[in-house]
């Protein structure tokens, strides 16, 4: 996550975060504003390398592929059924 002082409003959230040379460095995402008074606060952006990886996964797989630990949550009813066998 990139912390920025760029103004992030409802209209430009999701817009590009550019460096002084106009190169894309991230995508504006959210603003932390404890006072709730407009766009004054700390802005956050997703770094461009994360954006590229996610976009490529969506294009290739139709979804974002995330690593897993191989742990599943089992409903209590199913667990009791397994224990009873």
N, C-alpha and C. Protein backbone atom coordinates (compact mmCIF):
# COMPACT_ATOMS: atom_id res chain seq x y z
N UNK A 1 0.84 -1.18 0.00
CA UNK A 1 0.00 0.00 0.00
C UNK A 1 0.89 1.25 0.00
N UNK A 2 0.53 2.19 -0.79
CA UNK A 2 1.25 3.46 -0.86
C UNK A 2 0.45 4.50 -0.09
N UNK A 3 1.11 5.22 0.78
CA UNK A 3 0.47 6.33 1.49
C UNK A 3 0.76 7.60 0.70
N UNK A 4 -0.28 8.39 0.48
CA UNK A 4 -0.11 9.60 -0.33
C UNK A 4 -0.89 10.76 0.29
N UNK A 5 -0.47 11.95 -0.06
CA UNK A 5 -1.23 13.13 0.37
C UNK A 5 -2.09 13.67 -0.77
N UNK A 6 -2.17 12.91 -1.86
CA UNK A 6 -3.03 13.31 -2.97
C UNK A 6 -4.49 13.29 -2.53
N UNK A 7 -5.26 14.25 -3.01
CA UNK A 7 -6.69 14.30 -2.69
C UNK A 7 -7.40 13.12 -3.33
N UNK A 8 -8.17 12.40 -2.53
CA UNK A 8 -8.96 11.28 -3.04
C UNK A 8 -10.41 11.57 -2.70
N UNK A 9 -11.18 11.76 -3.74
CA UNK A 9 -12.61 12.04 -3.61
C UNK A 9 -13.39 10.87 -4.18
N UNK A 10 -14.70 10.80 -3.89
CA UNK A 10 -15.50 9.72 -4.47
C UNK A 10 -15.38 9.65 -6.00
N UNK A 11 -15.15 10.76 -6.66
CA UNK A 11 -15.06 10.76 -8.12
C UNK A 11 -13.74 10.28 -8.68
N UNK A 12 -12.65 10.34 -7.89
CA UNK A 12 -11.36 9.92 -8.45
C UNK A 12 -10.77 8.72 -7.74
N UNK A 13 -11.50 8.12 -6.84
CA UNK A 13 -11.04 6.87 -6.26
C UNK A 13 -10.99 5.85 -7.38
N UNK A 14 -9.91 5.13 -7.47
CA UNK A 14 -9.72 4.21 -8.59
C UNK A 14 -8.96 4.85 -9.72
N UNK A 15 -8.66 6.13 -9.59
CA UNK A 15 -7.89 6.83 -10.62
C UNK A 15 -6.40 6.62 -10.44
N UNK A 16 -5.61 7.04 -11.41
CA UNK A 16 -4.17 6.81 -11.36
C UNK A 16 -3.47 7.70 -10.35
N UNK A 17 -2.43 7.16 -9.73
CA UNK A 17 -1.51 7.94 -8.91
C UNK A 17 -0.23 8.02 -9.71
N UNK A 18 0.15 9.24 -10.08
CA UNK A 18 1.28 9.47 -10.98
C UNK A 18 2.44 10.12 -10.24
N UNK A 19 3.67 9.82 -10.67
CA UNK A 19 4.82 10.52 -10.11
C UNK A 19 5.01 11.84 -10.86
N UNK A 20 6.05 12.59 -10.52
CA UNK A 20 6.25 13.92 -11.12
C UNK A 20 6.58 13.86 -12.61
N UNK A 21 6.93 12.69 -13.12
CA UNK A 21 7.20 12.53 -14.56
C UNK A 21 5.99 11.99 -15.31
N UNK A 22 4.88 11.78 -14.60
CA UNK A 22 3.67 11.29 -15.24
C UNK A 22 3.60 9.78 -15.36
N UNK A 23 4.50 9.07 -14.70
CA UNK A 23 4.49 7.60 -14.73
C UNK A 23 3.51 7.07 -13.69
N UNK A 24 2.80 6.02 -14.06
CA UNK A 24 1.85 5.39 -13.15
C UNK A 24 2.61 4.68 -12.04
N UNK A 25 2.30 5.00 -10.79
CA UNK A 25 2.92 4.31 -9.66
C UNK A 25 1.89 3.59 -8.79
N UNK A 26 0.61 3.88 -9.01
CA UNK A 26 -0.42 3.21 -8.22
C UNK A 26 -1.81 3.62 -8.66
N UNK A 27 -2.79 3.03 -7.98
CA UNK A 27 -4.20 3.35 -8.22
C UNK A 27 -4.80 3.83 -6.91
N UNK A 28 -5.32 5.06 -6.91
CA UNK A 28 -5.93 5.63 -5.71
C UNK A 28 -7.08 4.75 -5.26
N UNK A 29 -7.12 4.48 -3.97
CA UNK A 29 -8.07 3.51 -3.45
C UNK A 29 -8.96 4.05 -2.34
N UNK A 30 -8.37 4.66 -1.34
CA UNK A 30 -9.14 5.05 -0.15
C UNK A 30 -8.48 6.23 0.53
N UNK A 31 -9.24 6.84 1.41
CA UNK A 31 -8.71 7.92 2.25
C UNK A 31 -9.13 7.68 3.68
N UNK A 32 -8.20 7.86 4.60
CA UNK A 32 -8.51 7.79 6.02
C UNK A 32 -8.72 9.20 6.50
N UNK A 33 -9.91 9.49 6.96
CA UNK A 33 -10.29 10.82 7.35
C UNK A 33 -11.10 10.74 8.64
N UNK A 34 -10.43 10.75 9.79
CA UNK A 34 -11.15 10.60 11.05
C UNK A 34 -12.16 11.71 11.32
N UNK A 35 -11.92 12.90 10.77
CA UNK A 35 -12.83 14.01 11.02
C UNK A 35 -14.06 13.96 10.11
N UNK A 36 -13.96 13.23 9.00
CA UNK A 36 -15.09 13.12 8.08
C UNK A 36 -15.39 14.39 7.30
N UNK A 37 -14.37 15.22 7.09
CA UNK A 37 -14.60 16.50 6.42
C UNK A 37 -13.96 16.54 5.03
N UNK A 38 -14.52 15.81 4.11
CA UNK A 38 -14.08 15.88 2.72
C UNK A 38 -12.85 15.06 2.43
N UNK A 39 -11.94 15.63 1.62
CA UNK A 39 -10.77 14.89 1.17
C UNK A 39 -9.53 15.16 1.99
N UNK A 40 -9.68 15.72 3.17
CA UNK A 40 -8.53 16.01 4.03
C UNK A 40 -8.23 14.76 4.85
N UNK A 41 -7.04 14.23 4.68
CA UNK A 41 -6.67 13.03 5.41
C UNK A 41 -5.49 12.35 4.75
N UNK A 42 -5.33 11.06 5.04
CA UNK A 42 -4.25 10.27 4.48
C UNK A 42 -4.82 9.39 3.38
N UNK A 43 -4.29 9.53 2.17
CA UNK A 43 -4.75 8.73 1.05
C UNK A 43 -3.93 7.47 0.89
N UNK A 44 -4.55 6.45 0.32
CA UNK A 44 -3.86 5.18 0.10
C UNK A 44 -4.07 4.75 -1.35
N UNK A 45 -3.05 4.13 -1.89
CA UNK A 45 -3.10 3.66 -3.28
C UNK A 45 -2.51 2.25 -3.34
N UNK A 46 -2.99 1.48 -4.30
CA UNK A 46 -2.45 0.15 -4.56
C UNK A 46 -1.26 0.32 -5.48
N UNK A 47 -0.08 -0.24 -5.14
CA UNK A 47 1.09 -0.10 -6.00
C UNK A 47 0.86 -0.72 -7.39
N UNK A 48 1.48 -0.13 -8.40
CA UNK A 48 1.26 -0.56 -9.78
C UNK A 48 1.67 -2.00 -10.01
N UNK A 49 2.69 -2.52 -9.32
CA UNK A 49 3.08 -3.92 -9.53
C UNK A 49 1.99 -4.88 -9.05
N UNK A 50 1.29 -4.51 -7.99
CA UNK A 50 0.16 -5.32 -7.52
C UNK A 50 -0.99 -5.24 -8.52
N UNK A 51 -1.25 -4.05 -9.03
CA UNK A 51 -2.32 -3.87 -10.02
C UNK A 51 -2.04 -4.72 -11.25
N UNK A 52 -0.81 -4.69 -11.75
CA UNK A 52 -0.46 -5.47 -12.94
C UNK A 52 -0.67 -6.97 -12.70
N UNK A 53 -0.21 -7.45 -11.53
CA UNK A 53 -0.35 -8.87 -11.23
C UNK A 53 -1.82 -9.28 -11.17
N UNK A 54 -2.64 -8.49 -10.51
CA UNK A 54 -4.07 -8.80 -10.37
C UNK A 54 -4.77 -8.73 -11.72
N UNK A 55 -4.50 -7.71 -12.50
CA UNK A 55 -5.13 -7.58 -13.82
C UNK A 55 -4.75 -8.76 -14.71
N UNK A 56 -3.49 -9.15 -14.70
CA UNK A 56 -3.06 -10.29 -15.51
C UNK A 56 -3.75 -11.58 -15.07
N UNK A 57 -3.95 -11.77 -13.76
CA UNK A 57 -4.64 -12.96 -13.28
C UNK A 57 -6.11 -12.94 -13.69
N UNK A 58 -6.74 -11.79 -13.64
CA UNK A 58 -8.14 -11.69 -14.05
C UNK A 58 -8.27 -12.00 -15.54
N UNK A 59 -7.36 -11.48 -16.35
CA UNK A 59 -7.40 -11.76 -17.79
C UNK A 59 -7.16 -13.25 -18.05
N UNK A 60 -6.19 -13.83 -17.36
CA UNK A 60 -5.82 -15.22 -17.62
C UNK A 60 -6.80 -16.24 -17.04
N UNK A 61 -7.23 -16.03 -15.77
CA UNK A 61 -8.05 -17.02 -15.07
C UNK A 61 -9.50 -16.59 -14.86
N UNK A 62 -9.80 -15.33 -15.10
CA UNK A 62 -11.15 -14.83 -14.85
C UNK A 62 -11.40 -14.50 -13.39
N UNK A 63 -10.35 -14.62 -12.56
CA UNK A 63 -10.45 -14.30 -11.13
C UNK A 63 -9.04 -14.12 -10.60
N UNK A 64 -8.95 -13.62 -9.38
CA UNK A 64 -7.66 -13.46 -8.73
C UNK A 64 -7.33 -14.77 -8.02
N UNK A 65 -6.15 -15.30 -8.28
CA UNK A 65 -5.72 -16.55 -7.66
C UNK A 65 -4.87 -16.19 -6.44
N UNK A 66 -5.31 -16.62 -5.28
CA UNK A 66 -4.59 -16.34 -4.04
C UNK A 66 -4.06 -17.64 -3.44
N UNK A 67 -2.92 -17.58 -2.77
CA UNK A 67 -2.41 -18.78 -2.12
C UNK A 67 -3.31 -19.18 -0.95
N UNK A 68 -3.37 -20.47 -0.67
CA UNK A 68 -4.16 -20.96 0.46
C UNK A 68 -3.33 -21.88 1.33
N UNK A 69 -3.82 -22.12 2.52
CA UNK A 69 -3.15 -23.03 3.44
C UNK A 69 -3.73 -24.44 3.38
N UNK A 70 -4.81 -24.62 2.63
CA UNK A 70 -5.44 -25.92 2.55
C UNK A 70 -6.31 -26.23 3.74
N UNK A 71 -6.79 -25.21 4.40
CA UNK A 71 -7.65 -25.37 5.57
C UNK A 71 -9.07 -25.01 5.16
N UNK A 72 -10.02 -25.85 5.52
CA UNK A 72 -11.42 -25.58 5.23
C UNK A 72 -12.21 -25.51 6.53
N UNK A 73 -13.24 -24.70 6.55
CA UNK A 73 -14.13 -24.60 7.70
C UNK A 73 -15.27 -25.57 7.46
N UNK A 74 -15.52 -26.40 8.46
CA UNK A 74 -16.55 -27.42 8.35
C UNK A 74 -17.70 -27.08 9.28
N UNK A 75 -18.90 -27.19 8.77
CA UNK A 75 -20.10 -26.97 9.56
C UNK A 75 -20.15 -27.99 10.69
N UNK A 76 -20.63 -27.59 11.88
CA UNK A 76 -20.71 -28.49 13.04
C UNK A 76 -21.49 -29.75 12.73
N UNK A 77 -22.55 -29.63 11.96
CA UNK A 77 -23.38 -30.77 11.60
C UNK A 77 -22.57 -31.81 10.83
N UNK A 78 -21.77 -31.36 9.90
CA UNK A 78 -20.92 -32.25 9.12
C UNK A 78 -19.87 -32.89 10.01
N UNK A 79 -19.28 -32.11 10.90
CA UNK A 79 -18.27 -32.61 11.82
C UNK A 79 -18.83 -33.73 12.70
N UNK A 80 -20.03 -33.51 13.25
CA UNK A 80 -20.66 -34.55 14.09
C UNK A 80 -20.92 -35.80 13.28
N UNK A 81 -21.32 -35.64 12.02
CA UNK A 81 -21.58 -36.79 11.16
C UNK A 81 -20.29 -37.58 10.92
N UNK A 82 -19.19 -36.89 10.72
CA UNK A 82 -17.90 -37.55 10.50
C UNK A 82 -17.43 -38.24 11.78
N UNK A 83 -17.59 -37.58 12.92
CA UNK A 83 -17.18 -38.17 14.19
C UNK A 83 -18.00 -39.41 14.53
N UNK A 84 -19.26 -39.47 14.09
CA UNK A 84 -20.13 -40.59 14.40
C UNK A 84 -19.83 -41.83 13.57
N UNK A 85 -19.01 -41.72 12.58
CA UNK A 85 -18.70 -42.87 11.70
C UNK A 85 -17.61 -43.74 12.27
